[in-house]
Amino acid sequence: MTTSDDVRRDLRSPARGPRAKPSVGRAPGRLLLPALVGLAVLVVPLLALLVRTPWAALPERLTDPTVQDALWLSLLTSALAMVVCLLLGLPLAWVLARVDFPGRSLLRGVVTVPLVLPPVVAGVALLTAFGRNGLFGAPLRDLGITIPFTTTAVVIAHTFVALPFFVISVEGAMRAGNRDYDLVAATLGADRWTTFRRVTFPLALPGIIAGLVLGFARSLGEFGATITFAGNFPGTTQTMPLAVYSELQSDSDSALVLSVILLLVSVLILTLLRDRWLYQAAR
């Protein structure tokens, strides 16, 4: 009779012959079926979009100045939002991962609130803070600075919704890294800033790049907070999602084409960043 000790001994023994790799058996249908249904939930809408799109109109829409302005504005504001996330989110992630202080769990919860906040509510919150009569907007207005319904408002809205993705990703990478390296660096005489630059940052670099990818993708598709806080003005605040919304009111075929353009751009960005840069950073 085979005992549990025999099984553990076989698993620890060197690989021999065709039985070197143990099998865990076939995947049960009760897991495969819901997995396939879940995959269909994600894939079927995208396939429907691709099938129903009038591809013959794609070149014409790509050369449309309004579409080009919206696409360029989306890429520009998303890139600027990632710069802000890197400058502000990296220190915030480090504080959450490396500094022990009362209320850290509460702070982490506050950081993650925008992840579950309805986009329109996020826009209203931004208006309350930076609107012409807002908490900070009113003093800025007295100084001649107006933020709502400008390109700056688009960047702020994108940063607000993308920053939690970046912070969570980077904090996770920093927590996954061995904290003993920081202690060794401190033992060798390095201060915390030097330890961050020479030890913590390089080890967390794959997570930082992953956070930028996730944040950029989230920023590129942002709609609710942007239209509430920045409006929908072509050439100034109209990003690609807002352009899709505008076209959907009058021309569904045009909205399909714009949706496919945004889908292709998103897939291209994720493919280039994750399969190339992220892989190289993780090596």
C-alpha atoms as a PDB file:
ATOM      1  CA  MET A   1       0.000   0.000   0.000  1.00  0.00           C
ATOM      2  CA  THR A   2       1.301   3.447  -0.910  1.00  0.00           C
ATOM      3  CA  THR A   3       1.577   5.762   2.059  1.00  0.00           C
ATOM      4  CA  SER A   4       1.750   9.545   2.188  1.00  0.00           C
ATOM      5  CA  ASP A   5       5.444   9.236   3.058  1.00  0.00           C
ATOM      6  CA  ASP A   6       5.993   7.259  -0.160  1.00  0.00           C
ATOM      7  CA  VAL A   7       4.245   9.958  -2.178  1.00  0.00           C
ATOM      8  CA  ARG A   8       6.350  12.709  -0.651  1.00  0.00           C
ATOM      9  CA  ARG A   9       9.502  10.639  -1.237  1.00  0.00           C
ATOM     10  CA  ASP A  10       8.586  10.173  -4.907  1.00  0.00           C
ATOM     11  CA  LEU A  11       7.985  13.906  -5.356  1.00  0.00           C
ATOM     12  CA  ARG A  12      11.360  14.724  -3.810  1.00  0.00           C
ATOM     13  CA  SER A  13      13.264  12.079  -5.806  1.00  0.00           C
ATOM     14  CA  PRO A  14      15.152  13.054  -9.021  1.00  0.00           C
ATOM     15  CA  ALA A  15      13.242  12.911 -12.283  1.00  0.00           C
ATOM     16  CA  ARG A  16      13.437   9.456 -13.912  1.00  0.00           C
ATOM     17  CA  GLY A  17      11.995   8.268 -17.184  1.00  0.00           C
ATOM     18  CA  PRO A  18       8.551   9.015 -18.578  1.00  0.00           C
ATOM     19  CA  ARG A  19       7.037   9.356 -15.081  1.00  0.00           C
ATOM     20  CA  ALA A  20       9.321  12.252 -14.154  1.00  0.00           C
ATOM     21  CA  LYS A  21       6.539  14.857 -14.333  1.00  0.00           C
ATOM     22  CA  PRO A  22       3.558  13.984 -12.128  1.00  0.00           C
ATOM     23  CA  SER A  23       0.092  14.778 -13.429  1.00  0.00           C
ATOM     24  CA  VAL A  24      -2.668  16.406 -11.434  1.00  0.00           C
ATOM     25  CA  GLY A  25      -5.339  14.954 -13.698  1.00  0.00           C
ATOM     26  CA  ARG A  26      -7.782  16.421 -16.195  1.00  0.00           C
ATOM     27  CA  ALA A  27      -9.378  19.782 -15.603  1.00  0.00           C
ATOM     28  CA  PRO A  28     -12.906  19.243 -14.234  1.00  0.00           C
ATOM     29  CA  GLY A  29     -15.791  20.363 -16.389  1.00  0.00           C
ATOM     30  CA  ARG A  30     -17.375  22.218 -13.484  1.00  0.00           C
ATOM     31  CA  LEU A  31     -14.406  24.616 -13.623  1.00  0.00           C
ATOM     32  CA  LEU A  32     -13.865  24.674 -17.391  1.00  0.00           C
ATOM     33  CA  LEU A  33     -17.473  25.541 -18.215  1.00  0.00           C
ATOM     34  CA  PRO A  34     -17.722  28.730 -16.121  1.00  0.00           C
ATOM     35  CA  ALA A  35     -14.217  29.646 -17.287  1.00  0.00           C
ATOM     36  CA  LEU A  36     -15.378  29.463 -20.906  1.00  0.00           C
ATOM     37  CA  VAL A  37     -18.498  31.467 -20.087  1.00  0.00           C
ATOM     38  CA  GLY A  38     -16.355  34.114 -18.401  1.00  0.00           C
ATOM     39  CA  LEU A  39     -14.115  34.242 -21.459  1.00  0.00           C
ATOM     40  CA  ALA A  40     -17.161  34.647 -23.691  1.00  0.00           C
ATOM     41  CA  VAL A  41     -18.404  37.558 -21.579  1.00  0.00           C
ATOM     42  CA  LEU A  42     -15.134  39.355 -22.351  1.00  0.00           C
ATOM     43  CA  VAL A  43     -14.646  38.293 -25.961  1.00  0.00           C
ATOM     44  CA  VAL A  44     -18.155  38.345 -27.487  1.00  0.00           C
ATOM     45  CA  PRO A  45     -18.711  42.133 -27.154  1.00  0.00           C
ATOM     46  CA  LEU A  46     -15.311  42.818 -28.724  1.00  0.00           C
ATOM     47  CA  LEU A  47     -16.034  40.415 -31.577  1.00  0.00           C
ATOM     48  CA  ALA A  48     -19.428  42.042 -32.110  1.00  0.00           C
ATOM     49  CA  LEU A  49     -17.733  45.427 -32.296  1.00  0.00           C
ATOM     50  CA  LEU A  50     -15.255  44.175 -34.885  1.00  0.00           C
ATOM     51  CA  VAL A  51     -17.953  42.441 -36.963  1.00  0.00           C
ATOM     52  CA  ARG A  52     -20.364  45.389 -37.031  1.00  0.00           C
ATOM     53  CA  THR A  53     -17.738  48.042 -37.775  1.00  0.00           C
ATOM     54  CA  PRO A  54     -17.865  49.499 -41.313  1.00  0.00           C
ATOM     55  CA  TRP A  55     -14.174  48.982 -42.071  1.00  0.00           C
ATOM     56  CA  ALA A  56     -14.422  50.812 -45.394  1.00  0.00           C
ATOM     57  CA  ALA A  57     -14.993  54.061 -43.501  1.00  0.00           C
ATOM     58  CA  LEU A  58     -11.911  53.605 -41.313  1.00  0.00           C
ATOM     59  CA  PRO A  59      -9.385  55.455 -43.543  1.00  0.00           C
ATOM     60  CA  GLU A  60     -11.747  58.397 -43.908  1.00  0.00           C
ATOM     61  CA  ARG A  61     -12.289  58.670 -40.177  1.00  0.00           C
ATOM     62  CA  LEU A  62      -8.568  58.406 -39.472  1.00  0.00           C
ATOM     63  CA  THR A  63      -7.929  61.468 -41.621  1.00  0.00           C
ATOM     64  CA  ASP A  64     -10.721  63.451 -39.987  1.00  0.00           C
ATOM     65  CA  PRO A  65      -9.134  66.420 -38.129  1.00  0.00           C
ATOM     66  CA  THR A  66     -11.609  66.044 -35.260  1.00  0.00           C
ATOM     67  CA  VAL A  67     -10.656  62.409 -34.749  1.00  0.00           C
ATOM     68  CA  GLN A  68      -6.946  63.195 -34.996  1.00  0.00           C
ATOM     69  CA  ASP A  69      -7.310  65.986 -32.433  1.00  0.00           C
ATOM     70  CA  ALA A  70      -9.227  63.711 -30.058  1.00  0.00           C
ATOM     71  CA  LEU A  71      -6.715  60.882 -30.434  1.00  0.00           C
ATOM     72  CA  TRP A  72      -3.738  63.182 -29.953  1.00  0.00           C
ATOM     73  CA  LEU A  73      -5.356  64.822 -26.928  1.00  0.00           C
ATOM     74  CA  SER A  74      -6.055  61.401 -25.387  1.00  0.00           C
ATOM     75  CA  LEU A  75      -2.454  60.279 -25.826  1.00  0.00           C
ATOM     76  CA  LEU A  76      -1.018  63.600 -24.626  1.00  0.00           C
ATOM     77  CA  THR A  77      -3.171  63.949 -21.513  1.00  0.00           C
ATOM     78  CA  SER A  78      -2.702  60.288 -20.599  1.00  0.00           C
ATOM     79  CA  ALA A  79       1.083  60.662 -20.908  1.00  0.00           C
ATOM     80  CA  LEU A  80       1.055  63.816 -18.777  1.00  0.00           C
ATOM     81  CA  ALA A  81      -1.109  62.065 -16.204  1.00  0.00           C
ATOM     82  CA  MET A  82       1.482  59.268 -16.005  1.00  0.00           C
ATOM     83  CA  VAL A  83       4.221  61.834 -15.378  1.00  0.00           C
ATOM     84  CA  VAL A  84       2.198  63.201 -12.467  1.00  0.00           C
ATOM     85  CA  CYS A  85       1.517  59.673 -11.206  1.00  0.00           C
ATOM     86  CA  LEU A  86       5.221  58.897 -11.302  1.00  0.00           C
ATOM     87  CA  LEU A  87       6.187  62.082  -9.443  1.00  0.00           C
ATOM     88  CA  LEU A  88       3.488  61.810  -6.791  1.00  0.00           C
ATOM     89  CA  GLY A  89       2.512  58.157  -6.742  1.00  0.00           C
ATOM     90  CA  LEU A  90       6.002  56.699  -6.387  1.00  0.00           C
ATOM     91  CA  PRO A  91       6.710  58.490  -3.075  1.00  0.00           C
ATOM     92  CA  LEU A  92       3.187  57.659  -1.875  1.00  0.00           C
ATOM     93  CA  ALA A  93       3.661  53.967  -2.685  1.00  0.00           C
ATOM     94  CA  TRP A  94       7.007  54.006  -0.876  1.00  0.00           C
ATOM     95  CA  VAL A  95       5.429  55.536   2.232  1.00  0.00           C
ATOM     96  CA  LEU A  96       2.716  52.861   2.247  1.00  0.00           C
ATOM     97  CA  ALA A  97       5.210  50.051   1.735  1.00  0.00           C
ATOM     98  CA  ARG A  98       8.176  51.131   3.856  1.00  0.00           C
ATOM     99  CA  VAL A  99       7.045  53.559   6.578  1.00  0.00           C
ATOM    100  CA  ASP A 100       5.237  52.324   9.678  1.00  0.00           C
ATOM    101  CA  PHE A 101       2.853  54.897  11.152  1.00  0.00           C
ATOM    102  CA  PRO A 102      -0.593  54.954  12.785  1.00  0.00           C
ATOM    103  CA  GLY A 103      -3.390  55.095  10.251  1.00  0.00           C
ATOM    104  CA  ARG A 104      -1.483  53.513   7.386  1.00  0.00           C
ATOM    105  CA  SER A 105      -4.359  51.117   6.665  1.00  0.00           C
ATOM    106  CA  LEU A 106      -6.757  54.052   6.597  1.00  0.00           C
ATOM    107  CA  LEU A 107      -4.492  55.918   4.187  1.00  0.00           C
ATOM    108  CA  ARG A 108      -4.317  52.872   1.942  1.00  0.00           C
ATOM    109  CA  GLY A 109      -8.103  52.731   1.938  1.00  0.00           C
ATOM    110  CA  VAL A 110      -8.325  56.395   0.942  1.00  0.00           C
ATOM    111  CA  VAL A 111      -5.917  55.798  -1.926  1.00  0.00           C
ATOM    112  CA  THR A 112      -8.075  52.966  -3.273  1.00  0.00           C
ATOM    113  CA  VAL A 113     -11.400  54.827  -3.033  1.00  0.00           C
ATOM    114  CA  PRO A 114     -11.225  56.186  -6.637  1.00  0.00           C
ATOM    115  CA  LEU A 115     -11.082  52.567  -7.850  1.00  0.00           C
ATOM    116  CA  VAL A 116     -14.676  51.971  -6.732  1.00  0.00           C
ATOM    117  CA  LEU A 117     -15.969  55.527  -7.016  1.00  0.00           C
ATOM    118  CA  PRO A 118     -18.498  56.032  -9.845  1.00  0.00           C
ATOM    119  CA  PRO A 119     -16.803  58.133 -12.570  1.00  0.00           C
ATOM    120  CA  VAL A 120     -19.477  60.828 -12.480  1.00  0.00           C
ATOM    121  CA  VAL A 121     -19.060  61.140  -8.705  1.00  0.00           C
ATOM    122  CA  ALA A 122     -15.320  61.524  -9.273  1.00  0.00           C
ATOM    123  CA  GLY A 123     -16.063  64.387 -11.662  1.00  0.00           C
ATOM    124  CA  VAL A 124     -18.382  66.035  -9.155  1.00  0.00           C
ATOM    125  CA  ALA A 125     -15.706  65.691  -6.454  1.00  0.00           C
ATOM    126  CA  LEU A 126     -13.157  67.357  -8.726  1.00  0.00           C
ATOM    127  CA  LEU A 127     -15.588  70.173  -9.460  1.00  0.00           C
ATOM    128  CA  THR A 128     -16.181  70.613  -5.735  1.00  0.00           C
ATOM    129  CA  ALA A 129     -12.459  70.898  -5.149  1.00  0.00           C
ATOM    130  CA  PHE A 130     -11.243  72.764  -8.253  1.00  0.00           C
ATOM    131  CA  GLY A 131     -14.397  74.322  -9.701  1.00  0.00           C
ATOM    132  CA  ARG A 132     -14.771  78.070  -9.963  1.00  0.00           C
ATOM    133  CA  ASN A 133     -16.507  78.069  -6.580  1.00  0.00           C
ATOM    134  CA  GLY A 134     -14.676  75.034  -5.241  1.00  0.00           C
ATOM    135  CA  LEU A 135     -12.569  74.650  -2.137  1.00  0.00           C
ATOM    136  CA  PHE A 136      -9.338  75.359  -4.023  1.00  0.00           C
ATOM    137  CA  GLY A 137     -10.859  76.615  -7.252  1.00  0.00           C
ATOM    138  CA  ALA A 138     -12.218  79.840  -5.743  1.00  0.00           C
ATOM    139  CA  PRO A 139      -8.815  81.074  -4.465  1.00  0.00           C
ATOM    140  CA  LEU A 140      -7.253  80.079  -7.798  1.00  0.00           C
ATOM    141  CA  ARG A 141      -9.965  82.002  -9.645  1.00  0.00           C
ATOM    142  CA  ASP A 142      -9.102  85.097  -7.623  1.00  0.00           C
ATOM    143  CA  LEU A 143      -5.545  84.672  -8.892  1.00  0.00           C
ATOM    144  CA  GLY A 144      -6.802  84.452 -12.461  1.00  0.00           C
ATOM    145  CA  ILE A 145      -6.386  80.670 -12.752  1.00  0.00           C
ATOM    146  CA  THR A 146      -9.350  78.659 -14.015  1.00  0.00           C
ATOM    147  CA  ILE A 147      -9.088  74.874 -14.206  1.00  0.00           C
ATOM    148  CA  PRO A 148     -12.500  73.394 -15.123  1.00  0.00           C
ATOM    149  CA  PHE A 149     -13.268  72.815 -18.813  1.00  0.00           C
ATOM    150  CA  THR A 150      -9.635  73.141 -19.852  1.00  0.00           C
ATOM    151  CA  THR A 151      -6.993  70.672 -20.997  1.00  0.00           C
ATOM    152  CA  THR A 152      -5.481  70.917 -17.524  1.00  0.00           C
ATOM    153  CA  ALA A 153      -8.766  69.627 -16.130  1.00  0.00           C
ATOM    154  CA  VAL A 154      -8.493  66.588 -18.410  1.00  0.00           C
ATOM    155  CA  VAL A 155      -5.018  65.812 -17.034  1.00  0.00           C
ATOM    156  CA  ILE A 156      -6.256  66.194 -13.451  1.00  0.00           C
ATOM    157  CA  ALA A 157      -9.242  63.914 -14.097  1.00  0.00           C
ATOM    158  CA  HIS A 158      -7.002  61.299 -15.707  1.00  0.00           C
ATOM    159  CA  THR A 159      -4.545  61.497 -12.829  1.00  0.00           C
ATOM    160  CA  PHE A 160      -7.313  61.128 -10.247  1.00  0.00           C
ATOM    161  CA  VAL A 161      -8.612  57.880 -11.741  1.00  0.00           C
ATOM    162  CA  ALA A 162      -5.226  56.400 -12.735  1.00  0.00           C
ATOM    163  CA  LEU A 163      -3.164  57.188  -9.630  1.00  0.00           C
ATOM    164  CA  PRO A 164      -4.641  54.368  -7.490  1.00  0.00           C
ATOM    165  CA  PHE A 165      -3.723  51.775 -10.133  1.00  0.00           C
ATOM    166  CA  PHE A 166      -0.157  53.026 -10.136  1.00  0.00           C
ATOM    167  CA  VAL A 167       0.183  53.250  -6.354  1.00  0.00           C
ATOM    168  CA  ILE A 168      -1.254  49.785  -5.714  1.00  0.00           C
ATOM    169  CA  SER A 169       0.982  48.208  -8.344  1.00  0.00           C
ATOM    170  CA  VAL A 170       4.141  49.904  -7.063  1.00  0.00           C
ATOM    171  CA  GLU A 171       3.348  49.274  -3.406  1.00  0.00           C
ATOM    172  CA  GLY A 172       2.812  45.595  -4.183  1.00  0.00           C
ATOM    173  CA  ALA A 173       6.158  45.440  -5.975  1.00  0.00           C
ATOM    174  CA  MET A 174       7.919  47.122  -3.060  1.00  0.00           C
ATOM    175  CA  ARG A 175       6.302  44.795  -0.543  1.00  0.00           C
ATOM    176  CA  ALA A 176       7.239  41.786  -2.664  1.00  0.00           C
ATOM    177  CA  GLY A 177      10.862  42.888  -2.626  1.00  0.00           C
ATOM    178  CA  ASN A 178      12.893  41.681   0.319  1.00  0.00           C
ATOM    179  CA  ARG A 179      12.994  44.422   2.940  1.00  0.00           C
ATOM    180  CA  ASP A 180      16.204  42.921   4.297  1.00  0.00           C
ATOM    181  CA  TYR A 181      18.051  44.616   1.435  1.00  0.00           C
ATOM    182  CA  ASP A 182      17.035  47.976   2.896  1.00  0.00           C
ATOM    183  CA  LEU A 183      18.341  46.887   6.292  1.00  0.00           C
ATOM    184  CA  VAL A 184      21.624  45.749   4.778  1.00  0.00           C
ATOM    185  CA  ALA A 185      22.017  49.082   2.975  1.00  0.00           C
ATOM    186  CA  ALA A 186      21.314  50.938   6.235  1.00  0.00           C
ATOM    187  CA  THR A 187      23.869  48.760   8.026  1.00  0.00           C
ATOM    188  CA  LEU A 188      26.449  49.737   5.408  1.00  0.00           C
ATOM    189  CA  GLY A 189      25.791  53.411   6.124  1.00  0.00           C
ATOM    190  CA  ALA A 190      23.288  54.379   3.405  1.00  0.00           C
ATOM    191  CA  ASP A 191      20.553  56.824   4.364  1.00  0.00           C
ATOM    192  CA  ARG A 192      16.952  56.162   3.323  1.00  0.00           C
ATOM    193  CA  TRP A 193      17.138  58.364   0.219  1.00  0.00           C
ATOM    194  CA  THR A 194      20.226  56.524  -1.018  1.00  0.00           C
ATOM    195  CA  THR A 195      18.605  53.197  -0.206  1.00  0.00           C
ATOM    196  CA  PHE A 196      15.543  54.210  -2.196  1.00  0.00           C
ATOM    197  CA  ARG A 197      17.597  55.253  -5.239  1.00  0.00           C
ATOM    198  CA  ARG A 198      20.087  52.395  -5.230  1.00  0.00           C
ATOM    199  CA  VAL A 199      18.082  49.478  -3.804  1.00  0.00           C
ATOM    200  CA  THR A 200      14.312  49.926  -3.550  1.00  0.00           C
ATOM    201  CA  PHE A 201      13.712  51.647  -6.890  1.00  0.00           C
ATOM    202  CA  PRO A 202      15.688  49.171  -9.055  1.00  0.00           C
ATOM    203  CA  LEU A 203      14.019  46.177  -7.390  1.00  0.00           C
ATOM    204  CA  ALA A 204      10.551  47.696  -7.864  1.00  0.00           C
ATOM    205  CA  LEU A 205      11.146  48.821 -11.466  1.00  0.00           C
ATOM    206  CA  PRO A 206       9.028  46.067 -13.097  1.00  0.00           C
ATOM    207  CA  GLY A 207       6.131  46.985 -10.811  1.00  0.00           C
ATOM    208  CA  ILE A 208       6.608  50.675 -11.609  1.00  0.00           C
ATOM    209  CA  ILE A 209       6.439  50.003 -15.327  1.00  0.00           C
ATOM    210  CA  ALA A 210       3.412  47.759 -14.836  1.00  0.00           C
ATOM    211  CA  GLY A 211       1.738  50.536 -12.842  1.00  0.00           C
ATOM    212  CA  LEU A 212       2.406  53.022 -15.620  1.00  0.00           C
ATOM    213  CA  VAL A 213       0.931  50.620 -18.166  1.00  0.00           C
ATOM    214  CA  LEU A 214      -2.217  50.058 -16.109  1.00  0.00           C
ATOM    215  CA  GLY A 215      -2.560  53.751 -15.331  1.00  0.00           C
ATOM    216  CA  PHE A 216      -2.072  54.780 -18.957  1.00  0.00           C
ATOM    217  CA  ALA A 217      -4.659  52.264 -20.148  1.00  0.00           C
ATOM    218  CA  ARG A 218      -7.129  53.451 -17.508  1.00  0.00           C
ATOM    219  CA  SER A 219      -6.434  57.072 -18.373  1.00  0.00           C
ATOM    220  CA  LEU A 220      -6.874  56.463 -22.089  1.00  0.00           C
ATOM    221  CA  GLY A 221     -10.382  55.131 -21.552  1.00  0.00           C
ATOM    222  CA  GLU A 222     -11.513  57.650 -18.933  1.00  0.00           C
ATOM    223  CA  PHE A 223     -14.939  59.151 -19.648  1.00  0.00           C
ATOM    224  CA  GLY A 224     -17.185  60.030 -16.698  1.00  0.00           C
ATOM    225  CA  ALA A 225     -14.874  62.213 -14.629  1.00  0.00           C
ATOM    226  CA  THR A 226     -13.548  63.931 -17.743  1.00  0.00           C
ATOM    227  CA  ILE A 227     -16.895  64.930 -19.226  1.00  0.00           C
ATOM    228  CA  THR A 228     -18.134  66.135 -15.819  1.00  0.00           C
ATOM    229  CA  PHE A 229     -15.069  68.125 -14.828  1.00  0.00           C
ATOM    230  CA  ALA A 230     -13.573  69.109 -18.193  1.00  0.00           C
ATOM    231  CA  GLY A 231     -16.524  69.092 -20.580  1.00  0.00           C
ATOM    232  CA  ASN A 232     -16.565  67.912 -24.177  1.00  0.00           C
ATOM    233  CA  PHE A 233     -15.026  70.653 -26.316  1.00  0.00           C
ATOM    234  CA  PRO A 234     -13.354  69.530 -29.567  1.00  0.00           C
ATOM    235  CA  GLY A 235      -9.677  70.396 -29.684  1.00  0.00           C
ATOM    236  CA  THR A 236      -9.547  71.318 -25.985  1.00  0.00           C
ATOM    237  CA  THR A 237     -11.107  68.639 -23.791  1.00  0.00           C
ATOM    238  CA  GLN A 238     -12.653  66.121 -26.214  1.00  0.00           C
ATOM    239  CA  THR A 239     -10.719  62.888 -25.835  1.00  0.00           C
ATOM    240  CA  MET A 240     -11.435  59.737 -27.849  1.00  0.00           C
ATOM    241  CA  PRO A 241     -14.032  58.297 -25.422  1.00  0.00           C
ATOM    242  CA  LEU A 242     -15.884  61.630 -25.508  1.00  0.00           C
ATOM    243  CA  ALA A 243     -15.691  61.682 -29.301  1.00  0.00           C
ATOM    244  CA  VAL A 244     -17.236  58.198 -29.378  1.00  0.00           C
ATOM    245  CA  TYR A 245     -20.028  59.398 -27.106  1.00  0.00           C
ATOM    246  CA  SER A 246     -20.687  62.438 -29.297  1.00  0.00           C
ATOM    247  CA  GLU A 247     -20.818  60.401 -32.504  1.00  0.00           C
ATOM    248  CA  LEU A 248     -23.101  57.818 -30.888  1.00  0.00           C
ATOM    249  CA  GLN A 249     -25.790  60.485 -30.548  1.00  0.00           C
ATOM    250  CA  SER A 250     -25.980  61.067 -34.289  1.00  0.00           C
ATOM    251  CA  ASP A 251     -24.058  58.453 -36.291  1.00  0.00           C
ATOM    252  CA  SER A 252     -23.741  54.944 -34.849  1.00  0.00           C
ATOM    253  CA  ASP A 253     -21.475  53.740 -37.686  1.00  0.00           C
ATOM    254  CA  SER A 254     -19.041  56.557 -37.003  1.00  0.00           C
ATOM    255  CA  ALA A 255     -19.127  55.701 -33.296  1.00  0.00           C
ATOM    256  CA  LEU A 256     -18.262  52.090 -34.158  1.00  0.00           C
ATOM    257  CA  VAL A 257     -15.279  53.204 -36.218  1.00  0.00           C
ATOM    258  CA  LEU A 258     -14.002  55.479 -33.465  1.00  0.00           C
ATOM    259  CA  SER A 259     -14.463  52.690 -30.925  1.00  0.00           C
ATOM    260  CA  VAL A 260     -12.380  50.327 -33.052  1.00  0.00           C
ATOM    261  CA  ILE A 261      -9.661  52.966 -33.409  1.00  0.00           C
ATOM    262  CA  LEU A 262      -9.516  53.393 -29.636  1.00  0.00           C
ATOM    263  CA  LEU A 263      -9.538  49.623 -29.159  1.00  0.00           C
ATOM    264  CA  LEU A 264      -6.657  49.135 -31.597  1.00  0.00           C
ATOM    265  CA  VAL A 265      -4.623  51.922 -29.984  1.00  0.00           C
ATOM    266  CA  SER A 266      -5.192  50.459 -26.515  1.00  0.00           C
ATOM    267  CA  VAL A 267      -4.197  46.955 -27.605  1.00  0.00           C
ATOM    268  CA  LEU A 268      -1.127  48.289 -29.411  1.00  0.00           C
ATOM    269  CA  ILE A 269       0.038  50.245 -26.365  1.00  0.00           C
ATOM    270  CA  LEU A 270      -0.481  47.328 -23.987  1.00  0.00           C
ATOM    271  CA  THR A 271       1.311  44.955 -26.358  1.00  0.00           C
ATOM    272  CA  LEU A 272       4.319  47.207 -26.835  1.00  0.00           C
ATOM    273  CA  LEU A 273       4.694  48.149 -23.188  1.00  0.00           C
ATOM    274  CA  ARG A 274       3.984  44.813 -21.541  1.00  0.00           C
ATOM    275  CA  ASP A 275       5.639  42.443 -24.005  1.00  0.00           C
ATOM    276  CA  ARG A 276       8.709  44.547 -24.668  1.00  0.00           C
ATOM    277  CA  TRP A 277       9.581  47.139 -22.036  1.00  0.00           C
ATOM    278  CA  LEU A 278       8.064  45.322 -19.079  1.00  0.00           C
ATOM    279  CA  TYR A 279       9.754  42.057 -20.064  1.00  0.00           C
ATOM    280  CA  GLN A 280      13.108  43.763 -20.418  1.00  0.00           C
ATOM    281  CA  ALA A 281      12.720  45.512 -17.054  1.00  0.00           C
ATOM    282  CA  ALA A 282      11.870  42.227 -15.328  1.00  0.00           C
ATOM    283  CA  ARG A 283      14.914  40.362 -16.639  1.00  0.00           C
END
